[in-house]
Amino acid sequence: MIRYITSHQEITKEMLAGFFVGWPNPPSLETHLRLLQGSTHIVLAVEDSKDRVVGFITAISDGVLSAYIPLLEVLPEYQGHGIGSELSERLLADLAHLYMVDVVCDREMVPFYARFGMKSGAAMMLRNYEHQCGTISA
């Protein structure tokens, strides 16, 4: 059974294994836990029988007008079962009081986000792939 929670308090790094598939420099389990702790909003899908997080979504917000959704991930073996949709619906409900909620995604993900009323727009982005793993270097 999958349950959805909005706190990282009961999450350990060991519960986060298997995410960031295909990333050339994936964040470590420690970094993944830190990014959850640093997000202003999170929703986690937890499978209690395996004591494992199987999906998550994060947002960073000023709490007044805007929020940005940087990450939505579902473990490959759990994809196609509505977990990503449920995570998105719950997070967007939490953010519904804001003027704007933005996400930058790959083109193939546009139809997914459009289902939640999001519209395509132009975006600019900077990617420092050497920092993709989340470690801090001087």
Protein backbone atom coordinates (compact mmCIF):
# COMPACT_ATOMS: atom_id res chain seq x y z
CA MET A 1 0.00 0.00 0.00
CA ILE A 2 1.24 3.48 -0.91
CA ARG A 3 0.73 6.37 1.50
CA TYR A 4 1.45 10.01 0.80
CA ILE A 5 3.20 12.26 3.29
CA THR A 6 4.34 15.88 3.28
CA SER A 7 7.25 15.69 5.71
CA HIS A 8 10.75 14.31 5.49
CA GLN A 9 10.89 13.72 9.27
CA GLU A 10 10.50 9.93 9.13
CA ILE A 11 12.61 9.49 5.98
CA THR A 12 16.12 8.07 6.09
CA LYS A 13 18.61 8.14 3.24
CA GLU A 14 18.31 4.35 2.92
CA MET A 15 14.65 4.77 1.96
CA LEU A 16 15.66 6.84 -1.10
CA ALA A 17 17.58 4.28 -3.17
CA GLY A 18 16.90 3.92 -6.90
CA PHE A 19 16.05 7.47 -8.00
CA PHE A 20 17.71 9.66 -10.67
CA VAL A 21 17.88 6.87 -13.24
CA GLY A 22 19.81 7.94 -16.33
CA TRP A 23 21.46 10.94 -14.67
CA PRO A 24 25.17 10.99 -15.54
CA ASN A 25 26.03 12.36 -12.05
CA PRO A 26 23.13 11.39 -9.79
CA PRO A 27 22.90 12.87 -6.31
CA SER A 28 24.00 10.60 -3.48
CA LEU A 29 21.44 9.33 -0.99
CA GLU A 30 22.70 11.94 1.48
CA THR A 31 22.25 14.72 -1.07
CA HIS A 32 18.78 13.45 -1.97
CA LEU A 33 17.76 13.64 1.68
CA ARG A 34 19.24 17.15 1.95
CA LEU A 35 17.27 18.36 -1.09
CA LEU A 36 14.06 17.07 0.46
CA GLN A 37 14.92 18.83 3.72
CA GLY A 38 15.68 22.08 1.87
CA SER A 39 12.48 22.18 -0.19
CA THR A 40 9.64 24.37 1.04
CA HIS A 41 7.05 21.78 -0.07
CA ILE A 42 7.36 18.05 -0.62
CA VAL A 43 5.03 15.13 -1.18
CA LEU A 44 6.42 11.63 -0.83
CA ALA A 45 4.89 8.32 -1.88
CA VAL A 46 5.96 5.68 0.62
CA GLU A 47 5.44 1.95 0.36
CA ASP A 48 5.33 0.87 3.98
CA SER A 49 5.69 -2.85 3.30
CA LYS A 50 9.14 -2.20 1.82
CA ASP A 51 9.99 0.82 4.02
CA ARG A 52 10.81 2.71 0.86
CA VAL A 53 10.05 6.00 -0.87
CA VAL A 54 8.76 5.14 -4.35
CA GLY A 55 8.04 8.67 -5.59
CA PHE A 56 8.51 12.29 -4.65
CA ILE A 57 7.84 15.83 -5.82
CA THR A 58 9.40 19.03 -4.50
CA ALA A 59 8.69 22.75 -4.72
CA ILE A 60 10.56 25.86 -3.72
CA SER A 61 8.36 28.85 -2.95
CA ASP A 62 8.51 32.41 -1.68
CA GLY A 63 5.20 31.67 0.04
CA VAL A 64 3.62 34.83 -1.39
CA LEU A 65 3.26 34.70 -5.18
CA SER A 66 5.33 31.95 -6.74
CA ALA A 67 6.68 28.43 -6.60
CA TYR A 68 8.94 26.34 -8.79
CA ILE A 69 8.73 22.55 -9.08
CA PRO A 70 12.26 21.28 -9.72
CA LEU A 71 11.78 17.53 -9.26
CA LEU A 72 9.15 14.85 -9.77
CA GLU A 73 10.41 11.28 -9.78
CA VAL A 74 8.81 7.86 -9.48
CA LEU A 75 10.90 4.71 -9.29
CA PRO A 76 10.85 2.93 -12.68
CA GLU A 77 9.04 -0.16 -11.37
CA TYR A 78 6.25 2.02 -9.94
CA GLN A 79 5.69 4.18 -13.01
CA GLY A 80 2.38 3.92 -14.87
CA HIS A 81 0.31 3.41 -11.71
CA GLY A 82 -0.80 7.00 -11.12
CA ILE A 83 1.74 7.81 -8.43
CA GLY A 84 3.22 10.77 -10.33
CA SER A 85 -0.26 12.15 -10.95
CA GLU A 86 -1.21 11.79 -7.29
CA LEU A 87 2.01 13.48 -6.18
CA SER A 88 1.37 16.34 -8.61
CA GLU A 89 -2.26 16.79 -7.60
CA ARG A 90 -1.38 16.91 -3.91
CA LEU A 91 1.45 19.40 -4.39
CA LEU A 92 -0.56 21.65 -6.69
CA ALA A 93 -3.39 21.66 -4.14
CA ASP A 94 -0.88 22.85 -1.52
CA LEU A 95 0.28 25.59 -3.88
CA ALA A 96 -3.18 26.63 -5.18
CA HIS A 97 -3.13 29.92 -3.25
CA LEU A 98 -0.14 31.18 -5.26
CA TYR A 99 -0.24 33.32 -8.39
CA MET A 100 2.23 31.19 -10.34
CA VAL A 101 3.59 27.67 -10.16
CA ASP A 102 6.24 26.91 -12.74
CA VAL A 103 8.00 23.78 -13.91
CA VAL A 104 10.65 23.36 -16.59
CA CYS A 105 10.40 19.93 -18.19
CA ASP A 106 11.47 17.93 -21.21
CA ARG A 107 9.12 18.25 -24.18
CA GLU A 108 7.79 14.73 -23.79
CA MET A 109 6.54 15.65 -20.31
CA VAL A 110 4.43 18.62 -21.49
CA PRO A 111 1.25 16.52 -21.96
CA PHE A 112 1.62 15.15 -18.42
CA TYR A 113 1.73 18.62 -16.85
CA ALA A 114 -0.98 19.94 -19.19
CA ARG A 115 -3.41 17.51 -17.51
CA PHE A 116 -3.15 19.67 -14.39
CA GLY A 117 -4.00 22.90 -16.19
CA MET A 118 -0.43 23.97 -16.81
CA LYS A 119 0.32 25.75 -20.06
CA SER A 120 3.45 25.76 -22.20
CA GLY A 121 5.60 28.84 -22.13
CA ALA A 122 9.13 29.91 -22.80
CA ALA A 123 11.79 29.14 -20.24
CA MET A 124 15.46 29.84 -19.89
CA MET A 125 17.75 27.63 -17.88
CA LEU A 126 21.35 27.14 -16.91
CA ARG A 127 22.65 23.65 -16.24
CA ASN A 128 25.99 23.12 -14.51
CA TYR A 129 26.23 19.39 -15.07
CA GLU A 130 29.47 19.15 -13.13
CA HIS A 131 27.39 19.99 -10.04
CA GLN A 132 24.55 17.56 -10.82
CA CYS A 133 25.53 15.20 -8.01
CA GLY A 134 24.87 18.00 -5.49
CA THR A 135 28.27 18.09 -3.87
CA ILE A 136 29.65 21.51 -3.08
CA SER A 137 33.02 22.36 -4.57
CA ALA A 138 34.99 25.56 -4.34
